[in-house]
Amino acid sequence: MYKVIRSVLFLFDAEKIHYFVASLLKFTLKIPGMKCLWNRLYKVKDTRLETTLFGITFPNPVGLAAGFDKNASMYNDLSYCGFGFIEIGTVTPIGQPGNEKPRLFRLKKDGAIINRMGFNNEGVENAIANLKKRKTDIIIGGNIGKNKVTPNIEAVNDYTSSFEALFPYVDYFVVNVSSPNTPNLRELQEKEPLTALLKALQELNSKKENRKPILLKIAPDLTDSQLDDIIAIVKDVKLDGIIASNTTISREGLQTSEQTVEEIGAGGVSGKPVRERATEVIRYLSEKSNKAFPIIGVGGIHSAEDALEKLDAGADLIQLFTGFIYEGPGLVKKINKAILARK
């Protein structure tokens, strides 16, 4: 059924249809009985799915990755899709429009998306206003980034500002230095600036009465030596975990014509083309660190088999984004059922 609906939705501009579907979901869930129906259709309740990491017990290991609910305006409705947790953002201290449109493109032949959104969001105060309207007990992660106009030398101020503001309203934090769509942002993944940034956040965190987990989201394009640096940094700053991985700047192996890809231009690729590399990164981090820290696996999960692959590689939790768009909320249930079948 969803594939029929998708064929219609995919006829329209990707970014516009995203917000249309969000509005449609909100409207649908206001119909009497619909919330109960959606829970029955998509939620899998079983204590065997529970996973406890960094002091949080996740009801199931399938989450929604950042980028889908940038402004924390959809999470109440999305909680009826069966997720165990939802990550909002990326949020920046000050609202910004992001890059020029069009900036979101489907590669249907590849089961992929190219985006160059550029951290478009309405700012941390808007996100907080929306989080104050929380009507669900679903676990919420806060993904934070820097404003485009903020030079890297001052980036720590943006991250610490959003951390302090969001602290009372989210259950864990994710530091995003791996988006390819904000100029020079990925330079912050280098060992020295990244260590300084994470230490500043951990220093603030340590002063709180009840600290909150801080994770780092990394790119799939890092070399093995850079991944070794990540492992060392996690140990050095006592980071709570890693999210692997963000979108890739690689265009290798795409079925979409080279001309079409060139016409689309810059942006990060998500979906099936990043599946294999994301899994490789997860496996490398898990094995090289001797499973020293939790890993949330994301990238190219379009089926239950893809999800199990990430878990087998060393992921403790997984997140969906492009797979959720292509396969619909039924994918969440299929994954949870597949995990239970292995118990």
Foldseek 3Di string as FASTA:
>chain_A
DVLVVLVVLVVDQPVVSLVVVLVVLVVQVVPPPSLVVLLVQAADQDCVQWDDAPRDIFRHQEEADEPSAAQLQRVQSCVSLHHSAYEYHQAWAAADQFDDPPAWADQVVQLKIFGLRGRHYHHLVSSVVNLVVDPDPRAYEYEYFYHLPDDLVCGLVGVQNSCVSCVVRHQAYEYEQAFPNRPPSVVCLDLPNVLVSLLVNLVVQVPDPHGHAYEYEHALPDDLVSLVSVLVSCVVSVHAYYEFYDFAQDPPPRPPDPVVVVVSPGGGMFAQVCLVSSLVSLLSNCVVNVNPHAYEGEGHPQALVSVVSSVVSGHPHYYYDSSCSNRNSNRSRRNRVVVVVVD
